[in-house]
Protein backbone atom coordinates (compact mmCIF):
# COMPACT_ATOMS: atom_id res chain seq x y z
CA MET A 1 44.59 70.94 100.37
CA HIS A 2 47.95 70.48 101.72
CA TRP A 3 48.88 71.38 105.01
CA ILE A 4 51.07 74.66 106.07
CA PRO A 5 52.83 73.93 109.13
CA THR A 6 53.36 77.34 110.94
CA VAL A 7 56.28 79.66 111.21
CA ASP A 8 56.83 80.64 114.90
CA THR A 9 58.66 84.34 113.86
CA LYS A 10 58.50 85.49 117.60
CA LEU A 11 61.14 82.45 117.89
CA ASN A 12 63.39 83.43 114.58
CA ILE A 13 64.02 87.30 115.04
CA TRP A 14 64.89 86.11 118.65
CA MET A 15 67.42 84.00 116.62
CA ILE A 16 69.09 86.25 115.06
CA ALA A 17 68.89 89.05 116.68
CA ALA A 18 71.28 86.19 118.97
CA VAL A 19 73.57 85.09 116.45
CA PHE A 20 74.27 89.23 115.24
CA GLY A 21 73.93 90.27 118.77
CA ALA A 22 76.96 87.48 118.57
CA TYR A 23 78.76 87.97 116.21
CA VAL A 24 79.58 92.16 116.58
CA ALA A 25 80.65 91.20 120.47
CA LEU A 26 82.93 88.06 119.06
CA TYR A 27 84.37 91.18 116.20
CA ASN A 28 84.84 93.48 118.29
CA THR A 29 86.71 91.48 121.29
CA LEU A 30 88.93 90.28 117.54
CA ARG A 31 89.50 93.40 116.62
CA GLY A 32 90.56 95.04 120.05
CA TRP A 33 93.43 92.03 120.39
CA TRP A 34 94.58 93.04 117.06
CA ARG A 35 94.84 96.56 117.89
CA GLY A 36 96.08 95.65 121.28
CA THR A 37 99.44 92.84 119.96
CA LEU A 38 100.10 92.29 116.14
CA GLY A 39 98.42 95.22 114.85
CA LYS A 40 99.67 98.07 116.85
CA ARG A 41 101.43 98.65 113.93
CA ALA A 42 99.33 99.42 111.33
CA LEU A 43 97.56 101.06 113.32
CA PHE A 44 100.24 103.66 114.68
CA ILE A 45 101.44 104.41 111.07
CA ARG A 46 97.83 105.09 110.09
CA ASN A 47 97.53 107.03 112.71
CA TYR A 48 100.36 109.66 112.57
CA ARG A 49 99.74 109.82 108.42
CA LYS A 50 96.28 111.48 109.52
CA LEU A 51 98.47 114.16 111.26
CA ALA A 52 99.89 117.51 109.21
CA PRO A 53 101.31 121.09 110.64
CA HIS A 54 98.31 123.01 112.48
CA VAL A 55 96.48 120.27 113.50
CA ARG A 56 95.16 121.42 117.59
CA HIS A 57 96.48 119.69 119.79
CA GLU A 58 93.41 118.16 120.85
CA TYR A 59 93.21 115.97 116.93
CA VAL A 60 96.51 114.23 118.21
CA LYS A 61 94.46 113.44 121.74
CA GLU A 62 92.22 111.49 120.13
CA LEU A 63 94.15 109.72 117.59
CA PHE A 64 97.19 108.73 120.00
CA GLY A 65 95.25 109.24 123.59
CA GLU A 66 96.71 110.40 125.98
CA PRO A 67 100.88 111.83 126.02
CA ALA A 68 103.86 110.65 129.02
CA TRP A 69 105.84 113.54 129.11
CA GLN A 70 105.06 117.41 128.08
CA TYR A 71 107.76 119.55 129.56
CA LYS A 72 108.41 123.73 128.26
CA GLN A 73 111.11 124.94 125.52
CA SER A 74 112.10 128.33 123.86
CA VAL A 75 112.45 127.76 120.37
CA GLU A 76 113.93 130.21 118.58
CA GLN A 77 112.21 132.29 115.59
CA PHE A 78 113.33 135.24 113.35
CA VAL A 79 110.52 138.16 113.32
CA GLY A 80 110.66 141.11 111.90
CA ASP A 81 111.70 144.93 112.99
CA PRO A 82 110.89 147.44 111.30
CA GLU A 83 114.41 150.46 111.47
CA PRO A 84 114.56 154.06 109.89
CA GLU A 85 116.28 152.51 106.57
CA GLY A 86 113.56 149.67 106.20
CA THR A 87 112.88 145.93 107.37
CA GLY A 88 114.82 144.00 109.34
CA ILE A 89 113.95 141.13 110.62
CA SER A 90 115.54 140.05 114.18
CA ILE A 91 115.31 136.43 116.62
CA ALA A 92 113.12 136.13 119.08
CA GLU A 93 112.44 133.01 121.68
CA GLN A 94 109.06 132.01 121.67
CA GLU A 95 107.44 129.06 124.47
CA MET A 96 106.20 126.13 123.16
CA THR A 97 104.99 123.02 124.57
CA VAL A 98 106.70 120.01 123.86
CA ARG A 99 104.79 116.18 124.58
CA THR A 100 105.57 113.06 123.70
CA TRP A 101 103.88 110.10 123.71
CA PRO A 102 105.47 106.16 123.81
CA LEU A 103 103.48 103.86 120.56
CA GLY A 104 103.63 100.44 122.03
CA ARG A 105 108.03 99.53 122.04
CA MET A 106 107.99 100.06 118.30
CA ALA A 107 108.46 104.14 118.71
CA TYR A 108 107.89 107.18 119.69
CA LEU A 109 105.50 110.80 118.28
CA THR A 110 106.73 113.69 120.10
CA THR A 111 105.03 117.38 119.32
CA TRP A 112 105.64 120.86 119.47
CA CYS A 113 102.79 122.86 120.07
CA THR A 114 102.37 127.18 119.63
CA GLU A 115 100.75 128.42 122.76
CA ASP A 116 97.29 127.65 121.18
CA ASP A 117 97.80 124.50 121.33
CA GLU A 118 98.40 124.41 117.39
CA VAL A 119 100.94 121.85 116.41
CA ALA A 120 103.76 123.64 114.71
CA MET A 121 106.20 120.86 114.12
CA TYR A 122 106.05 116.74 114.91
CA SER A 123 108.38 113.69 115.07
CA LEU A 124 108.18 110.44 114.91
CA THR A 125 111.21 107.74 115.80
CA THR A 126 111.15 104.69 115.82
CA ARG A 127 112.89 101.59 118.49
CA SER A 128 111.73 98.35 117.10
CA ARG A 129 112.85 96.69 113.63
CA ILE A 130 109.64 95.48 113.00
CA PHE A 131 108.12 99.20 113.10
CA ARG A 132 109.71 100.57 109.72
CA PRO A 133 106.79 103.06 108.60
CA ALA A 134 107.24 104.60 104.83
CA ILE A 135 107.61 108.50 104.87
CA ARG A 136 106.80 110.65 101.57
CA ILE A 137 110.77 113.43 102.26
CA GLY A 138 109.07 116.01 100.29
CA THR A 139 107.36 115.33 96.64
CA GLU A 140 109.76 113.18 95.04
CA HIS A 141 111.15 110.84 98.31
CA VAL A 142 110.13 108.07 100.04
CA ILE A 143 112.22 107.04 103.56
CA ARG A 144 111.72 104.03 105.91
CA LEU A 145 112.48 104.74 109.53
CA GLY A 146 115.11 102.68 110.62
CA LYS A 147 115.89 101.33 107.19
CA SER A 148 116.80 103.53 104.72
CA HIS A 149 120.31 105.16 104.97
CA LEU A 150 121.08 110.05 104.99
CA SER A 151 122.49 108.62 101.77
CA SER A 152 119.55 107.62 100.46
CA LEU A 153 118.69 111.31 100.17
CA PRO A 154 120.09 114.00 98.02
CA HIS A 155 122.92 115.86 100.59
CA PRO A 156 121.67 118.83 102.05
CA GLU A 157 122.44 122.04 100.90
CA VAL A 158 118.97 125.25 100.56
CA ALA A 159 118.18 124.29 104.79
CA GLY A 160 121.60 124.27 106.35
CA PRO A 161 123.82 121.93 106.85
CA PRO A 162 124.06 119.40 108.63
CA LEU A 163 124.35 119.42 112.47
CA TRP A 164 125.55 117.40 115.02
CA ALA A 165 126.31 116.49 118.61
CA VAL A 166 128.02 114.52 120.90
CA GLY A 167 128.48 114.54 123.93
CA ALA A 168 129.96 111.91 127.26
CA GLN A 169 126.26 109.77 127.24
CA ARG A 170 124.09 111.76 124.25
CA TYR A 171 124.31 111.85 120.11
CA SER A 172 122.35 112.85 117.95
CA TYR A 173 122.54 114.36 113.80
CA SER A 174 120.21 115.94 111.74
CA GLU A 175 120.17 116.73 108.40
CA SER A 176 117.21 119.50 106.87
CA HIS A 177 115.53 119.18 103.49
CA TYR A 178 113.12 121.87 101.92
CA PHE A 179 111.57 121.81 99.01
CA GLY A 180 109.89 124.85 98.78
CA SER A 181 105.72 125.87 97.52
CA PRO A 182 106.22 122.44 95.93
CA GLY A 183 106.66 120.31 99.77
CA GLY A 184 104.17 122.54 101.16
CA TYR A 185 107.12 124.38 102.32
CA ARG A 186 107.44 122.33 104.89
CA THR A 187 110.74 121.41 106.19
CA TRP A 188 111.83 117.57 106.65
CA VAL A 189 114.22 117.15 108.78
CA VAL A 190 115.29 113.06 109.24
CA GLY A 191 118.96 112.30 111.20
CA VAL A 192 119.69 109.88 114.08
CA SER A 193 118.32 110.31 117.65
CA ASP A 194 119.69 108.31 120.95
CA ALA A 195 116.50 107.62 121.63
CA GLY A 196 116.25 105.48 118.27
CA HIS A 197 116.96 102.26 116.63
CA PRO A 198 119.54 101.69 114.64
CA ALA A 199 121.63 104.94 116.53
CA ALA A 200 125.62 104.96 115.30
CA ALA A 201 126.77 107.73 117.21
CA PRO A 202 128.56 110.21 114.66
CA VAL A 203 132.09 109.76 116.82
CA GLY A 204 134.45 110.32 113.96
CA LEU A 205 133.32 113.84 112.92
CA GLY A 206 133.72 115.56 115.96
CA ALA A 207 132.10 116.90 119.28
CA ASN A 208 130.22 119.10 117.19
CA SER A 209 129.84 120.15 113.59
CA GLU A 210 131.43 123.21 114.27
CA GLU A 211 135.21 121.33 115.20
CA CYS A 212 134.91 118.71 112.18
CA GLU A 213 138.28 118.57 110.93
CA ASP A 214 137.54 117.00 107.58
CA PRO A 215 134.07 117.26 105.39
CA SER A 216 134.20 114.39 103.04
CA GLN A 217 133.72 112.20 106.79
CA ILE A 218 130.04 113.04 106.81
CA GLU A 219 129.89 111.12 103.15
CA GLY A 220 131.44 107.99 105.24
CA TYR A 221 128.97 108.61 107.50
CA ARG A 222 125.75 109.19 105.61
CA ALA A 223 126.16 105.87 103.95
CA LEU A 224 126.80 104.52 106.81
CA ALA A 225 124.05 105.58 109.29
CA ARG A 226 120.45 104.68 108.81
CA ILE A 227 117.76 106.96 109.56
CA ASN A 228 115.63 106.76 113.14
CA SER A 229 114.03 110.27 112.73
CA VAL A 230 112.54 112.55 110.93
CA LEU A 231 110.42 116.21 112.23
CA ILE A 232 108.04 117.82 109.30
CA ALA A 233 108.10 121.47 110.06
CA GLY A 234 105.36 123.58 109.11
CA GLY A 235 105.64 126.93 106.96
CA SER A 236 106.72 129.29 109.97
CA ALA A 237 108.99 131.35 110.72
CA LEU A 238 111.09 129.50 113.50
CA ARG A 239 114.66 128.75 113.72
CA LEU A 240 115.12 125.20 114.06
CA GLU A 241 118.84 125.66 114.08
CA SER A 242 118.48 126.38 117.78
CA ILE A 243 116.79 123.30 119.05
CA LEU A 244 118.48 120.54 116.24
CA PRO A 245 120.23 118.50 116.12
CA SER A 246 118.69 117.08 119.91
CA ALA A 247 115.01 118.19 118.99
CA VAL A 248 114.56 115.60 115.42
CA GLY A 249 113.35 113.19 118.75
CA PRO A 250 112.88 112.90 121.42
CA GLU A 251 114.36 113.18 125.17
CA ILE A 252 116.69 111.14 126.33
CA GLY A 253 117.26 112.25 129.59
CA ARG A 254 112.87 111.52 130.41
CA VAL A 255 112.02 108.28 127.87
CA ILE A 256 115.00 107.03 129.85
CA LEU A 257 113.24 107.46 132.74
CA VAL A 258 111.21 105.20 132.84
CA GLU A 259 110.45 101.05 134.91
CA PRO A 260 112.79 99.33 133.22
CA GLU A 261 110.96 95.69 132.24
CA TYR A 262 111.89 92.41 134.18
CA GLY A 263 110.92 88.88 133.58
CA LEU A 264 111.75 86.84 130.19
CA ARG A 265 111.55 89.33 127.84
CA ALA A 266 114.07 91.60 129.22
CA ARG A 267 116.87 89.35 129.63
CA LEU A 268 116.41 88.27 126.51
CA ASP A 269 117.19 91.85 125.43
CA ARG A 270 119.87 91.79 127.82
CA LEU A 271 121.71 88.83 127.13
CA ARG A 272 121.08 90.12 123.42
CA TRP A 273 123.15 92.91 123.82
CA LYS A 274 125.58 90.59 126.13
CA VAL A 275 125.63 88.85 123.20
CA ARG A 276 126.62 92.11 120.58
CA PHE A 277 129.46 93.85 123.15
CA ALA A 278 131.05 90.96 123.49
CA ALA A 279 131.44 90.22 120.00
CA ALA A 280 132.10 93.53 118.93
CA ARG A 281 134.73 93.63 121.69
CA LEU A 282 136.18 90.72 120.24
CA ARG A 283 136.44 91.69 116.81
CA GLU A 284 138.51 95.06 118.30
CA LEU A 285 141.18 92.76 119.54
CA ARG A 286 140.83 91.38 117.01
CA SER A 287 141.78 93.82 115.40
CA ASN A 288 144.22 95.01 116.91
CA ALA A 289 146.09 92.30 117.03
CA GLU A 290 146.73 92.43 113.13
């Protein structure tokens, strides 16, 4: 009779459970580290692509957490106004709740919600060279925030002319694209926000679109400026011209008030901007000398 060794199954089960528990703990630790560092970009992009007009604010909060900024703003909308001669269209104001999330140091997400906390429109603004998500505009065009130029899209005609504003400290540029039924009756507003990166100010076009003396300069600006913001609005009666061009990105007067960073990273950023300013100043002096 052959000798059969005894096996302690209780010990093996506990060992397997311990190894499995250690594996799960290690996986969760690595997953949390990845999402908090190198994987943040992919997480932000994946969650952003889950958004759509008319979703609930609570749904957005589940994806991105609590917003950092929240305020009220009036937006004009078209409403039907019966008249004795027929049906007319008038303009009324609707108060909306504007919320903004800072997505790390990479981007800003802004939503515009109705009184029922339904997202009527939302925007994404890149503020980093490493955050360049691909975004579909309509059904035939794809852009990359921070990389694609305005000229990569057709000149806006259906949704109205480009809008811009240049002030003493603020500037913004926007142009709307509408594709009807193939685009789900949504409107895509792309442009340049002074809160994004890179941000080329439309200084050569005049203070605003009403004071543009040479419309041909718009094409030159579209070929030069890169899109750093995109606003997506659902098929509603909102009059986007009442909040554009500044609404293409976040309210810089609010987000800029966050305490600046300190330490090595902040010093390197300041040094980089000083070098860029000195180089631009040197090129200007050389051009004036010639």
